[in-house]
PDB file of N, CA and C in Angstrom:
ATOM      1  N   MET A   1       0.946  -1.184  -0.046  1.00  0.00           N
ATOM      2  CA  MET A   1       0.004  -0.031   0.020  1.00  0.00           C
ATOM      3  C   MET A   1       0.851   1.221  -0.021  1.00  0.00           C
ATOM      4  N   SER A   2       0.540   2.163  -0.764  1.00  0.00           N
ATOM      5  CA  SER A   2       1.481   3.356  -1.035  1.00  0.00           C
ATOM      6  C   SER A   2       0.959   4.549  -0.207  1.00  0.00           C
ATOM      7  N   PHE A   3      -0.207   4.547   0.269  1.00  0.00           N
ATOM      8  CA  PHE A   3      -0.826   5.719   0.840  1.00  0.00           C
ATOM      9  C   PHE A   3      -0.715   6.997   0.148  1.00  0.00           C
ATOM     10  N   ALA A   4      -0.671   6.869  -1.164  1.00  0.00           N
ATOM     11  CA  ALA A   4      -0.670   8.056  -2.119  1.00  0.00           C
ATOM     12  C   ALA A   4      -1.887   7.768  -3.034  1.00  0.00           C
ATOM     13  N   ASP A   5      -2.722   8.779  -3.105  1.00  0.00           N
ATOM     14  CA  ASP A   5      -3.814   8.821  -3.943  1.00  0.00           C
ATOM     15  C   ASP A   5      -3.683  10.009  -4.803  1.00  0.00           C
ATOM     16  N   CYS A   6      -2.966   9.812  -6.104  1.00  0.00           N
ATOM     17  CA  CYS A   6      -2.734  10.772  -7.014  1.00  0.00           C
ATOM     18  C   CYS A   6      -4.053  11.265  -7.547  1.00  0.00           C
ATOM     19  N   LYS A   7      -4.079  12.621  -7.714  1.00  0.00           N
ATOM     20  CA  LYS A   7      -5.317  13.297  -8.324  1.00  0.00           C
ATOM     21  C   LYS A   7      -4.907  13.982  -9.762  1.00  0.00           C
ATOM     22  N   SER A   8      -5.576  13.851 -10.648  1.00  0.00           N
ATOM     23  CA  SER A   8      -5.205  14.594 -11.825  1.00  0.00           C
ATOM     24  C   SER A   8      -5.612  15.961 -11.741  1.00  0.00           C
ATOM     25  N   HIS A   9      -4.603  16.810 -12.227  1.00  0.00           N
ATOM     26  CA  HIS A   9      -4.932  18.226 -12.208  1.00  0.00           C
ATOM     27  C   HIS A   9      -4.774  18.859 -13.622  1.00  0.00           C
ATOM     28  N   LYS A  10      -4.461  17.895 -14.585  1.00  0.00           N
ATOM     29  CA  LYS A  10      -4.543  18.286 -16.072  1.00  0.00           C
ATOM     30  C   LYS A  10      -3.468  19.397 -16.289  1.00  0.00           C
ATOM     31  N   ASN A  11      -2.505  19.472 -15.565  1.00  0.00           N
ATOM     32  CA  ASN A  11      -1.420  20.446 -15.713  1.00  0.00           C
ATOM     33  C   ASN A  11      -1.928  21.930 -15.617  1.00  0.00           C
ATOM     34  N   ASP A  12      -2.978  22.069 -14.814  1.00  0.00           N
ATOM     35  CA  ASP A  12      -3.657  23.288 -14.597  1.00  0.00           C
ATOM     36  C   ASP A  12      -3.431  23.768 -13.160  1.00  0.00           C
ATOM     37  N   SER A  13      -2.918  24.942 -12.950  1.00  0.00           N
ATOM     38  CA  SER A  13      -2.470  25.331 -11.585  1.00  0.00           C
ATOM     39  C   SER A  13      -3.770  25.542 -10.699  1.00  0.00           C
ATOM     40  N   GLU A  14      -4.773  26.077 -11.278  1.00  0.00           N
ATOM     41  CA  GLU A  14      -5.984  26.222 -10.509  1.00  0.00           C
ATOM     42  C   GLU A  14      -6.670  24.927 -10.044  1.00  0.00           C
ATOM     43  N   GLU A  15      -6.554  23.988 -10.940  1.00  0.00           N
ATOM     44  CA  GLU A  15      -7.155  22.630 -10.643  1.00  0.00           C
ATOM     45  C   GLU A  15      -6.257  21.934  -9.607  1.00  0.00           C
ATOM     46  N   LEU A  16      -4.982  22.206  -9.719  1.00  0.00           N
ATOM     47  CA  LEU A  16      -4.012  21.733  -8.632  1.00  0.00           C
ATOM     48  C   LEU A  16      -4.384  22.160  -7.265  1.00  0.00           C
ATOM     49  N   VAL A  17      -4.617  23.448  -7.044  1.00  0.00           N
ATOM     50  CA  VAL A  17      -4.984  24.095  -5.807  1.00  0.00           C
ATOM     51  C   VAL A  17      -6.280  23.392  -5.327  1.00  0.00           C
ATOM     52  N   TYR A  18      -7.286  23.128  -6.341  1.00  0.00           N
ATOM     53  CA  TYR A  18      -8.551  22.428  -5.784  1.00  0.00           C
ATOM     54  C   TYR A  18      -8.193  21.009  -5.302  1.00  0.00           C
ATOM     55  N   GLU A  19      -7.389  20.335  -6.001  1.00  0.00           N
ATOM     56  CA  GLU A  19      -7.033  18.901  -5.607  1.00  0.00           C
ATOM     57  C   GLU A  19      -6.312  18.872  -4.276  1.00  0.00           C
ATOM     58  N   VAL A  20      -5.308  19.692  -4.089  1.00  0.00           N
ATOM     59  CA  VAL A  20      -4.525  19.694  -2.916  1.00  0.00           C
ATOM     60  C   VAL A  20      -5.424  20.102  -1.720  1.00  0.00           C
ATOM     61  N   ARG A  21      -6.215  21.158  -1.997  1.00  0.00           N
ATOM     62  CA  ARG A  21      -7.087  21.646  -0.873  1.00  0.00           C
ATOM     63  C   ARG A  21      -8.025  20.562  -0.391  1.00  0.00           C
ATOM     64  N   ASN A  22      -8.629  19.764  -1.308  1.00  0.00           N
ATOM     65  CA  ASN A  22      -9.519  18.731  -1.082  1.00  0.00           C
ATOM     66  C   ASN A  22      -8.849  17.575  -0.452  1.00  0.00           C
ATOM     67  N   TRP A  23      -7.584  17.293  -0.862  1.00  0.00           N
ATOM     68  CA  TRP A  23      -6.777  16.289  -0.231  1.00  0.00           C
ATOM     69  C   TRP A  23      -6.620  16.580   1.237  1.00  0.00           C
ATOM     70  N   PHE A  24      -6.186  17.872   1.659  1.00  0.00           N
ATOM     71  CA  PHE A  24      -6.120  18.238   3.022  1.00  0.00           C
ATOM     72  C   PHE A  24      -7.286  17.982   3.810  1.00  0.00           C
ATOM     73  N   SER A  25      -8.457  18.271   3.201  1.00  0.00           N
ATOM     74  CA  SER A  25      -9.777  18.185   3.872  1.00  0.00           C
ATOM     75  C   SER A  25      -9.956  16.653   4.058  1.00  0.00           C
ATOM     76  N   GLU A  26      -9.790  15.820   3.071  1.00  0.00           N
ATOM     77  CA  GLU A  26      -9.938  14.346   3.191  1.00  0.00           C
ATOM     78  C   GLU A  26      -9.056  13.781   4.268  1.00  0.00           C
ATOM     79  N   CYS A  27      -8.023  14.446   4.493  1.00  0.00           N
ATOM     80  CA  CYS A  27      -7.047  13.902   5.636  1.00  0.00           C
ATOM     81  C   CYS A  27      -7.476  14.412   7.009  1.00  0.00           C
ATOM     82  N   GLY A  28      -8.718  15.068   7.155  1.00  0.00           N
ATOM     83  CA  GLY A  28      -9.199  15.424   8.350  1.00  0.00           C
ATOM     84  C   GLY A  28      -8.932  16.867   8.759  1.00  0.00           C
ATOM     85  N   ASN A  29      -8.327  17.683   7.878  1.00  0.00           N
ATOM     86  CA  ASN A  29      -8.120  19.087   8.170  1.00  0.00           C
ATOM     87  C   ASN A  29      -9.367  19.836   7.776  1.00  0.00           C
ATOM     88  N   ASN A  30     -10.199  20.110   8.853  1.00  0.00           N
ATOM     89  CA  ASN A  30     -11.448  20.853   8.633  1.00  0.00           C
ATOM     90  C   ASN A  30     -11.233  22.321   8.779  1.00  0.00           C
ATOM     91  N   GLY A  31     -12.068  22.987   8.158  1.00  0.00           N
ATOM     92  CA  GLY A  31     -12.171  24.464   8.229  1.00  0.00           C
ATOM     93  C   GLY A  31     -11.071  25.133   7.300  1.00  0.00           C
ATOM     94  N   ILE A  32     -10.816  24.400   6.274  1.00  0.00           N
ATOM     95  CA  ILE A  32      -9.941  24.927   5.295  1.00  0.00           C
ATOM     96  C   ILE A  32     -10.763  25.892   4.335  1.00  0.00           C
ATOM     97  N   ALA A  33     -10.241  26.978   3.899  1.00  0.00           N
ATOM     98  CA  ALA A  33     -10.960  27.955   2.956  1.00  0.00           C
ATOM     99  C   ALA A  33     -11.179  27.120   1.805  1.00  0.00           C
ATOM    100  N   SER A  34     -12.074  27.659   0.945  1.00  0.00           N
ATOM    101  CA  SER A  34     -12.539  27.051  -0.293  1.00  0.00           C
ATOM    102  C   SER A  34     -11.329  27.214  -1.304  1.00  0.00           C
ATOM    103  N   ALA A  35     -11.299  26.300  -2.230  1.00  0.00           N
ATOM    104  CA  ALA A  35     -10.265  26.278  -3.297  1.00  0.00           C
ATOM    105  C   ALA A  35     -10.227  27.644  -4.133  1.00  0.00           C
ATOM    106  N   SER A  36     -11.438  28.200  -4.285  1.00  0.00           N
ATOM    107  CA  SER A  36     -11.523  29.528  -5.073  1.00  0.00           C
ATOM    108  C   SER A  36     -10.900  30.608  -4.164  1.00  0.00           C
ATOM    109  N   SER A  37     -11.091  30.525  -2.825  1.00  0.00           N
ATOM    110  CA  SER A  37     -10.519  31.573  -2.062  1.00  0.00           C
ATOM    111  C   SER A  37      -8.988  31.479  -2.045  1.00  0.00           C
ATOM    112  N   ILE A  38      -8.541  30.179  -2.019  1.00  0.00           N
ATOM    113  CA  ILE A  38      -7.133  29.946  -1.813  1.00  0.00           C
ATOM    114  C   ILE A  38      -6.454  30.428  -3.200  1.00  0.00           C
ATOM    115  N   TRP A  39      -7.143  30.193  -4.338  1.00  0.00           N
ATOM    116  CA  TRP A  39      -6.603  30.524  -5.602  1.00  0.00           C
ATOM    117  C   TRP A  39      -6.593  32.050  -5.606  1.00  0.00           C
ATOM    118  N   ASP A  40      -7.695  32.789  -5.308  1.00  0.00           N
ATOM    119  CA  ASP A  40      -7.775  34.284  -5.240  1.00  0.00           C
ATOM    120  C   ASP A  40      -6.537  34.813  -4.425  1.00  0.00           C
ATOM    121  N   ASP A  41      -6.430  34.340  -3.299  1.00  0.00           N
ATOM    122  CA  ASP A  41      -5.327  34.746  -2.473  1.00  0.00           C
ATOM    123  C   ASP A  41      -3.981  34.665  -3.029  1.00  0.00           C
ATOM    124  N   TYR A  42      -3.692  33.518  -3.581  1.00  0.00           N
ATOM    125  CA  TYR A  42      -2.523  33.201  -4.288  1.00  0.00           C
ATOM    126  C   TYR A  42      -2.145  34.306  -5.402  1.00  0.00           C
ATOM    127  N   ASN A  43      -3.316  34.519  -6.122  1.00  0.00           N
ATOM    128  CA  ASN A  43      -3.092  35.580  -7.215  1.00  0.00           C
ATOM    129  C   ASN A  43      -2.935  36.967  -6.667  1.00  0.00           C
ATOM    130  N   TYR A  44      -3.623  37.329  -5.554  1.00  0.00           N
ATOM    131  CA  TYR A  44      -3.382  38.585  -4.955  1.00  0.00           C
ATOM    132  C   TYR A  44      -1.983  38.656  -4.464  1.00  0.00           C
ATOM    133  N   PHE A  45      -1.522  37.628  -3.833  1.00  0.00           N
ATOM    134  CA  PHE A  45      -0.207  37.645  -3.357  1.00  0.00           C
ATOM    135  C   PHE A  45       0.821  37.916  -4.330  1.00  0.00           C
ATOM    136  N   TYR A  46       0.758  37.127  -5.416  1.00  0.00           N
ATOM    137  CA  TYR A  46       1.774  37.309  -6.515  1.00  0.00           C
ATOM    138  C   TYR A  46       1.736  38.699  -7.164  1.00  0.00           C
ATOM    139  N   THR A  47       0.535  39.189  -7.261  1.00  0.00           N
ATOM    140  CA  THR A  47       0.369  40.621  -7.845  1.00  0.00           C
ATOM    141  C   THR A  47       1.105  41.581  -6.976  1.00  0.00           C
ATOM    142  N   ASP A  48       0.877  41.461  -5.606  1.00  0.00           N
ATOM    143  CA  ASP A  48       1.498  42.372  -4.638  1.00  0.00           C
ATOM    144  C   ASP A  48       3.030  42.007  -4.741  1.00  0.00           C
ATOM    145  N   LEU A  49       3.480  40.818  -4.756  1.00  0.00           N
ATOM    146  CA  LEU A  49       4.869  40.456  -4.673  1.00  0.00           C
ATOM    147  C   LEU A  49       5.645  41.153  -5.865  1.00  0.00           C
ATOM    148  N   TYR A  50       5.002  41.049  -7.129  1.00  0.00           N
ATOM    149  CA  TYR A  50       5.746  41.736  -8.310  1.00  0.00           C
ATOM    150  C   TYR A  50       5.625  43.223  -8.203  1.00  0.00           C
ATOM    151  N   GLU A  51       4.547  43.817  -7.780  1.00  0.00           N
ATOM    152  CA  GLU A  51       4.465  45.262  -7.669  1.00  0.00           C
ATOM    153  C   GLU A  51       5.505  45.638  -6.587  1.00  0.00           C
ATOM    154  N   GLN A  52       5.585  45.141  -5.472  1.00  0.00           N
ATOM    155  CA  GLN A  52       6.673  45.535  -4.460  1.00  0.00           C
ATOM    156  C   GLN A  52       8.022  45.325  -5.031  1.00  0.00           C
ATOM    157  N   GLY A  53       8.329  44.178  -5.688  1.00  0.00           N
ATOM    158  CA  GLY A  53       9.522  43.970  -6.290  1.00  0.00           C
ATOM    159  C   GLY A  53       9.975  45.075  -7.193  1.00  0.00           C
ATOM    160  N   ILE A  54       9.032  45.436  -8.085  1.00  0.00           N
ATOM    161  CA  ILE A  54       9.342  46.457  -9.132  1.00  0.00           C
ATOM    162  C   ILE A  54       9.674  47.733  -8.307  1.00  0.00           C
ATOM    163  N   ASP A  55       8.875  48.041  -7.347  1.00  0.00           N
ATOM    164  CA  ASP A  55       9.137  49.326  -6.628  1.00  0.00           C
ATOM    165  C   ASP A  55      10.474  49.339  -5.941  1.00  0.00           C
ATOM    166  N   LYS A  56      10.994  48.068  -5.739  1.00  0.00           N
ATOM    167  CA  LYS A  56      12.391  48.006  -5.098  1.00  0.00           C
ATOM    168  C   LYS A  56      13.493  47.812  -6.169  1.00  0.00           C
ATOM    169  N   GLY A  57      13.227  48.006  -7.420  1.00  0.00           N
ATOM    170  CA  GLY A  57      14.083  47.695  -8.506  1.00  0.00           C
ATOM    171  C   GLY A  57      14.354  46.297  -9.000  1.00  0.00           C
ATOM    172  N   PHE A  58      13.480  45.363  -8.503  1.00  0.00           N
ATOM    173  CA  PHE A  58      13.588  44.012  -8.945  1.00  0.00           C
ATOM    174  C   PHE A  58      12.860  43.847 -10.340  1.00  0.00           C
ATOM    175  N   LYS A  59      13.278  43.004 -11.143  1.00  0.00           N
ATOM    176  CA  LYS A  59      12.730  42.732 -12.488  1.00  0.00           C
ATOM    177  C   LYS A  59      11.880  41.458 -12.143  1.00  0.00           C
ATOM    178  N   PRO A  60      10.952  41.276 -13.111  1.00  0.00           N
ATOM    179  CA  PRO A  60      10.051  39.893 -12.937  1.00  0.00           C
ATOM    180  C   PRO A  60      10.963  38.806 -12.685  1.00  0.00           C
ATOM    181  N   LYS A  61      11.935  38.530 -13.415  1.00  0.00           N
ATOM    182  CA  LYS A  61      12.845  37.384 -13.268  1.00  0.00           C
ATOM    183  C   LYS A  61      13.454  37.358 -11.948  1.00  0.00           C
ATOM    184  N   ASP A  62      13.807  38.491 -11.301  1.00  0.00           N
ATOM    185  CA  ASP A  62      14.268  38.427  -9.965  1.00  0.00           C
ATOM    186  C   ASP A  62      13.324  37.891  -8.953  1.00  0.00           C
ATOM    187  N   VAL A  63      12.146  38.429  -9.181  1.00  0.00           N
ATOM    188  CA  VAL A  63      10.994  37.948  -8.282  1.00  0.00           C
ATOM    189  C   VAL A  63      10.760  36.372  -8.467  1.00  0.00           C
ATOM    190  N   ASP A  64      10.853  35.958  -9.791  1.00  0.00           N
ATOM    191  CA  ASP A  64      10.583  34.557  -9.951  1.00  0.00           C
ATOM    192  C   ASP A  64      11.666  33.625  -9.402  1.00  0.00           C
ATOM    193  N   ARG A  65      12.925  34.205  -9.122  1.00  0.00           N
ATOM    194  CA  ARG A  65      14.031  33.485  -8.726  1.00  0.00           C
ATOM    195  C   ARG A  65      14.378  33.819  -7.109  1.00  0.00           C
ATOM    196  N   LEU A  66      13.441  34.249  -6.467  1.00  0.00           N
ATOM    197  CA  LEU A  66      13.723  34.556  -5.035  1.00  0.00           C
ATOM    198  C   LEU A  66      14.164  33.300  -4.265  1.00  0.00           C
ATOM    199  N   PRO A  67      15.048  33.340  -3.473  1.00  0.00           N
ATOM    200  CA  PRO A  67      15.407  32.090  -2.736  1.00  0.00           C
ATOM    201  C   PRO A  67      14.218  31.718  -1.782  1.00  0.00           C
ATOM    202  N   ILE A  68      14.084  30.465  -1.506  1.00  0.00           N
ATOM    203  CA  ILE A  68      12.885  29.892  -0.788  1.00  0.00           C
ATOM    204  C   ILE A  68      12.709  30.546   0.514  1.00  0.00           C
ATOM    205  N   GLY A  69      13.726  30.792   1.269  1.00  0.00           N
ATOM    206  CA  GLY A  69      13.698  31.539   2.531  1.00  0.00           C
ATOM    207  C   GLY A  69      13.009  32.822   2.470  1.00  0.00           C
ATOM    208  N   GLU A  70      13.444  33.719   1.486  1.00  0.00           N
ATOM    209  CA  GLU A  70      12.965  35.015   1.231  1.00  0.00           C
ATOM    210  C   GLU A  70      11.527  34.901   0.761  1.00  0.00           C
ATOM    211  N   PHE A  71      11.158  34.098   0.001  1.00  0.00           N
ATOM    212  CA  PHE A  71       9.878  33.864  -0.520  1.00  0.00           C
ATOM    213  C   PHE A  71       8.955  33.523   0.630  1.00  0.00           C
ATOM    214  N   ILE A  72       9.199  32.690   1.491  1.00  0.00           N
ATOM    215  CA  ILE A  72       8.428  32.233   2.670  1.00  0.00           C
ATOM    216  C   ILE A  72       8.354  33.470   3.512  1.00  0.00           C
ATOM    217  N   THR A  73       9.328  34.220   3.757  1.00  0.00           N
ATOM    218  CA  THR A  73       9.177  35.537   4.586  1.00  0.00           C
ATOM    219  C   THR A  73       8.238  36.304   3.992  1.00  0.00           C
ATOM    220  N   LYS A  74       8.285  36.483   2.646  1.00  0.00           N
ATOM    221  CA  LYS A  74       7.356  37.461   1.991  1.00  0.00           C
ATOM    222  C   LYS A  74       5.840  36.893   2.241  1.00  0.00           C
ATOM    223  N   ILE A  75       5.665  35.635   2.045  1.00  0.00           N
ATOM    224  CA  ILE A  75       4.348  35.087   2.226  1.00  0.00           C
ATOM    225  C   ILE A  75       3.862  35.273   3.526  1.00  0.00           C
ATOM    226  N   LYS A  76       4.660  35.084   4.613  1.00  0.00           N
ATOM    227  CA  LYS A  76       4.324  35.302   5.979  1.00  0.00           C
ATOM    228  C   LYS A  76       3.951  36.771   6.270  1.00  0.00           C
ATOM    229  N   SER A  77       4.704  37.642   5.722  1.00  0.00           N
ATOM    230  CA  SER A  77       4.472  39.167   5.775  1.00  0.00           C
ATOM    231  C   SER A  77       3.163  39.446   5.116  1.00  0.00           C
ATOM    232  N   TRP A  78       2.892  39.047   3.954  1.00  0.00           N
ATOM    233  CA  TRP A  78       1.737  39.354   3.267  1.00  0.00           C
ATOM    234  C   TRP A  78       0.528  38.762   3.906  1.00  0.00           C
ATOM    235  N   ASN A  79       0.582  37.609   4.578  1.00  0.00           N
ATOM    236  CA  ASN A  79      -0.455  37.010   5.337  1.00  0.00           C
ATOM    237  C   ASN A  79      -0.836  37.790   6.499  1.00  0.00           C
ATOM    238  N   SER A  80       0.220  38.168   7.280  1.00  0.00           N
ATOM    239  CA  SER A  80      -0.125  39.128   8.451  1.00  0.00           C
ATOM    240  C   SER A  80      -0.643  40.393   8.139  1.00  0.00           C
ATOM    241  N   GLU A  81      -0.307  41.007   6.961  1.00  0.00           N
ATOM    242  CA  GLU A  81      -0.860  42.334   6.470  1.00  0.00           C
ATOM    243  C   GLU A  81      -2.238  42.227   5.854  1.00  0.00           C
ATOM    244  N   ASN A  82      -2.643  41.006   5.450  1.00  0.00           N
ATOM    245  CA  ASN A  82      -3.801  40.918   4.684  1.00  0.00           C
ATOM    246  C   ASN A  82      -4.915  39.926   5.277  1.00  0.00           C
ATOM    247  N   ARG A  83      -4.639  39.708   6.582  1.00  0.00           N
ATOM    248  CA  ARG A  83      -5.705  38.928   7.289  1.00  0.00           C
ATOM    249  C   ARG A  83      -6.304  39.618   8.332  1.00  0.00           C
TER     250      ARG A  83
END
């Protein structure tokens, strides 16, 4: 038994969010926001990330290549400011 239940997302990012969100729910994590809400927040975050990066002299490729630690810090900051 592999304990992995692969879900098809058709190489579509929004569908992936839906599948992962539902997988968390199926694993007993109740109270999770809707997939649509998660997708919207993801897009709002990225819009803000690019706008802030440009304001600080970053080009889009710089934002795309942020080190994971810096990216996580930005996510935490965005969440605290937007919740």
